[in-house]
Amino acid sequence: MKYQPTWRKPAGMGLILLLIAIWAVLVASLAGIIGDMAWPLQAVFYLAAGTIWILPLKPLLRWMETGRFKAPS
């Protein structure tokens, strides 16, 4: 059985990079507001912002592999 490469993997990698870029711009645009907060609140915000962007990756990675966004039921 021959492996047929699909367009989903390069497209998915591009979408991941686009997601990271958009998220970074969004978080950086809030730096003025966040910079006025106390440092513990800043730490909580940046910790959350640094992990939340990962949530849309699971369906995107599943789509890259299978062509479906949802897991089979």
Protein backbone atom coordinates (compact mmCIF):
# COMPACT_ATOMS: atom_id res chain seq x y z
CA MET A 1 0.00 0.00 0.00
CA LYS A 2 1.45 3.34 -1.05
CA TYR A 3 1.24 6.41 1.12
CA GLN A 4 -0.53 9.32 -0.59
CA PRO A 5 0.41 12.67 0.93
CA THR A 6 -2.53 15.01 1.41
CA TRP A 7 -2.83 18.78 1.32
CA ARG A 8 -4.23 18.75 4.88
CA LYS A 9 -0.85 18.57 6.62
CA PRO A 10 0.73 21.64 4.98
CA ALA A 11 -2.58 23.51 5.29
CA GLY A 12 -2.84 22.50 8.95
CA MET A 13 0.71 23.66 9.66
CA GLY A 14 -0.11 27.00 8.05
CA LEU A 15 -3.26 27.29 10.15
CA ILE A 16 -1.31 26.49 13.32
CA LEU A 17 1.21 29.22 12.52
CA LEU A 18 -1.61 31.65 11.73
CA LEU A 19 -3.35 30.77 15.01
CA ILE A 20 -0.16 31.40 16.98
CA ALA A 21 0.45 34.72 15.20
CA ILE A 22 -3.10 35.96 15.77
CA TRP A 23 -3.04 34.88 19.41
CA ALA A 24 0.34 36.56 19.99
CA VAL A 25 -0.92 39.84 18.47
CA LEU A 26 -4.09 39.65 20.57
CA VAL A 27 -2.22 39.04 23.81
CA ALA A 28 0.40 41.69 22.99
CA SER A 29 -2.34 44.22 22.26
CA LEU A 30 -3.56 43.74 25.84
CA ALA A 31 -0.11 44.42 27.31
CA GLY A 32 -0.99 48.03 28.17
CA ILE A 33 -3.99 46.95 30.23
CA ILE A 34 -2.27 43.94 31.77
CA GLY A 35 0.84 45.99 32.57
CA ASP A 36 -1.17 48.12 35.00
CA MET A 37 -2.22 45.08 37.04
CA ALA A 38 -0.41 43.70 40.07
CA TRP A 39 2.27 41.18 39.16
CA PRO A 40 0.38 38.13 40.51
CA LEU A 41 -2.57 38.97 38.25
CA GLN A 42 -0.20 39.46 35.33
CA ALA A 43 1.32 36.05 36.02
CA VAL A 44 -2.11 34.39 36.08
CA PHE A 45 -3.14 36.15 32.85
CA TYR A 46 0.02 35.25 30.96
CA LEU A 47 -0.05 31.68 32.27
CA ALA A 48 -3.64 31.30 31.06
CA ALA A 49 -2.96 33.08 27.76
CA GLY A 50 0.09 30.89 27.22
CA THR A 51 -1.96 27.69 27.51
CA ILE A 52 -5.41 28.59 26.11
CA TRP A 53 -4.14 28.77 22.52
CA ILE A 54 -3.47 25.03 22.69
CA LEU A 55 -7.20 24.14 22.97
CA PRO A 56 -8.06 24.48 19.25
CA LEU A 57 -5.04 22.39 18.27
CA LYS A 58 -6.53 18.98 19.13
CA PRO A 59 -9.36 19.16 16.56
CA LEU A 60 -7.02 20.75 14.03
CA LEU A 61 -4.43 18.01 14.47
CA ARG A 62 -7.17 15.37 14.24
CA TRP A 63 -8.35 16.96 10.98
CA MET A 64 -4.80 16.95 9.63
CA GLU A 65 -4.56 13.20 10.27
CA THR A 66 -8.07 11.96 9.48
CA GLY A 67 -9.94 14.67 7.60
CA ARG A 68 -12.50 14.98 10.43
CA PHE A 69 -12.65 17.55 13.21
CA LYS A 70 -14.58 15.35 15.65
CA ALA A 71 -13.52 12.04 17.08
CA PRO A 72 -15.44 9.03 15.77
CA SER A 73 -18.34 8.17 18.03
